[in-house]
Amino acid sequence: MANTNLAGSLSNFIGYLRCRKMILFVQECSNFSRFSCEGRLKPV
């Protein structure tokens, strides 16, 4: 019982980390694209 519970919580934790990583990655990408767009729009 304890072993299956541990395995389940571990897989949940890994899924949570993956989801968090994806969210951070998307945020970084959107920030980067916004900055590059602002850089292009600004007069040199």
N, C-alpha and C. Protein backbone atom coordinates (compact mmCIF):
# COMPACT_ATOMS: atom_id res chain seq x y z
N MET A 1 0.84 -1.20 0.00
CA MET A 1 0.00 0.00 0.00
C MET A 1 0.88 1.26 0.00
N ALA A 2 1.86 1.28 0.90
CA ALA A 2 2.71 2.46 1.01
C ALA A 2 3.55 2.62 -0.25
N ASN A 3 3.99 1.50 -0.82
CA ASN A 3 4.84 1.57 -2.01
C ASN A 3 4.09 2.17 -3.19
N THR A 4 2.86 1.70 -3.42
CA THR A 4 2.08 2.21 -4.55
C THR A 4 1.75 3.69 -4.32
N ASN A 5 1.49 4.05 -3.07
CA ASN A 5 1.18 5.43 -2.74
C ASN A 5 2.39 6.31 -3.05
N LEU A 6 3.57 5.84 -2.67
CA LEU A 6 4.80 6.59 -2.90
C LEU A 6 5.04 6.75 -4.40
N ALA A 7 4.84 5.67 -5.15
CA ALA A 7 5.05 5.74 -6.60
C ALA A 7 4.07 6.73 -7.22
N GLY A 8 2.83 6.72 -6.76
CA GLY A 8 1.83 7.63 -7.30
C GLY A 8 2.18 9.08 -7.02
N SER A 9 2.61 9.36 -5.79
CA SER A 9 2.95 10.74 -5.44
C SER A 9 4.20 11.17 -6.20
N LEU A 10 5.11 10.23 -6.43
CA LEU A 10 6.34 10.56 -7.17
C LEU A 10 6.01 10.92 -8.60
N SER A 11 5.14 10.14 -9.23
CA SER A 11 4.76 10.44 -10.63
C SER A 11 3.99 11.76 -10.68
N ASN A 12 3.17 12.02 -9.67
CA ASN A 12 2.45 13.30 -9.61
C ASN A 12 3.44 14.45 -9.51
N PHE A 13 4.47 14.27 -8.68
CA PHE A 13 5.48 15.31 -8.48
C PHE A 13 6.24 15.57 -9.78
N ILE A 14 6.60 14.49 -10.49
CA ILE A 14 7.32 14.63 -11.76
C ILE A 14 6.45 15.35 -12.77
N GLY A 15 5.18 15.01 -12.82
CA GLY A 15 4.26 15.68 -13.73
C GLY A 15 4.13 17.15 -13.39
N TYR A 16 4.11 17.45 -12.08
CA TYR A 16 4.02 18.84 -11.63
C TYR A 16 5.26 19.62 -12.06
N LEU A 17 6.44 19.00 -11.90
CA LEU A 17 7.68 19.67 -12.30
C LEU A 17 7.70 19.92 -13.80
N ARG A 18 7.24 18.91 -14.57
CA ARG A 18 7.21 19.07 -16.03
C ARG A 18 6.30 20.22 -16.42
N CYS A 19 5.14 20.29 -15.79
CA CYS A 19 4.16 21.33 -16.09
C CYS A 19 4.76 22.69 -15.75
N ARG A 20 5.40 22.78 -14.59
CA ARG A 20 6.01 24.03 -14.16
C ARG A 20 7.10 24.46 -15.13
N LYS A 21 7.89 23.50 -15.58
CA LYS A 21 8.98 23.79 -16.52
C LYS A 21 8.40 24.35 -17.81
N MET A 22 7.33 23.73 -18.30
CA MET A 22 6.70 24.19 -19.54
C MET A 22 6.17 25.62 -19.37
N ILE A 23 5.53 25.89 -18.23
CA ILE A 23 4.97 27.22 -17.99
C ILE A 23 6.09 28.26 -17.97
N LEU A 24 7.19 27.95 -17.27
CA LEU A 24 8.31 28.88 -17.20
C LEU A 24 8.90 29.09 -18.58
N PHE A 25 8.99 28.00 -19.36
CA PHE A 25 9.55 28.08 -20.71
C PHE A 25 8.70 28.99 -21.59
N VAL A 26 7.38 28.81 -21.50
CA VAL A 26 6.47 29.63 -22.31
C VAL A 26 6.57 31.10 -21.89
N GLN A 27 6.66 31.34 -20.59
CA GLN A 27 6.78 32.73 -20.11
C GLN A 27 8.06 33.35 -20.63
N GLU A 28 9.17 32.60 -20.57
CA GLU A 28 10.45 33.12 -21.05
C GLU A 28 10.36 33.42 -22.53
N CYS A 29 9.75 32.52 -23.29
CA CYS A 29 9.63 32.72 -24.74
C CYS A 29 8.80 33.96 -25.04
N SER A 30 7.69 34.15 -24.34
CA SER A 30 6.83 35.30 -24.61
C SER A 30 7.56 36.59 -24.21
N ASN A 31 8.30 36.54 -23.10
CA ASN A 31 9.07 37.72 -22.69
C ASN A 31 10.12 38.05 -23.74
N PHE A 32 10.82 37.02 -24.23
CA PHE A 32 11.88 37.22 -25.21
C PHE A 32 11.31 37.80 -26.50
N SER A 33 10.20 37.24 -26.96
CA SER A 33 9.61 37.72 -28.22
C SER A 33 9.12 39.15 -28.05
N ARG A 34 8.58 39.47 -26.87
CA ARG A 34 8.10 40.83 -26.63
C ARG A 34 9.28 41.81 -26.64
N PHE A 35 10.38 41.41 -26.00
CA PHE A 35 11.55 42.29 -25.96
C PHE A 35 12.13 42.47 -27.36
N SER A 36 12.19 41.39 -28.14
CA SER A 36 12.76 41.50 -29.48
C SER A 36 11.85 42.35 -30.36
N CYS A 37 10.54 42.24 -30.16
CA CYS A 37 9.60 43.07 -30.93
C CYS A 37 9.78 44.53 -30.55
N GLU A 38 9.91 44.81 -29.26
CA GLU A 38 10.10 46.19 -28.81
C GLU A 38 11.41 46.73 -29.39
N GLY A 39 12.44 45.88 -29.41
CA GLY A 39 13.72 46.31 -29.94
C GLY A 39 13.61 46.65 -31.42
N ARG A 40 12.80 45.88 -32.15
CA ARG A 40 12.63 46.14 -33.58
C ARG A 40 11.81 47.40 -33.81
N LEU A 41 10.82 47.62 -32.95
CA LEU A 41 9.93 48.77 -33.15
C LEU A 41 10.61 50.08 -32.78
N LYS A 42 11.55 50.02 -31.83
CA LYS A 42 12.21 51.26 -31.41
C LYS A 42 13.08 51.81 -32.54
N PRO A 43 13.07 53.09 -32.75
CA PRO A 43 13.96 53.69 -33.77
C PRO A 43 15.40 53.57 -33.33
N VAL A 44 16.26 53.21 -34.25
CA VAL A 44 17.67 52.99 -33.91
C VAL A 44 18.40 54.33 -33.92
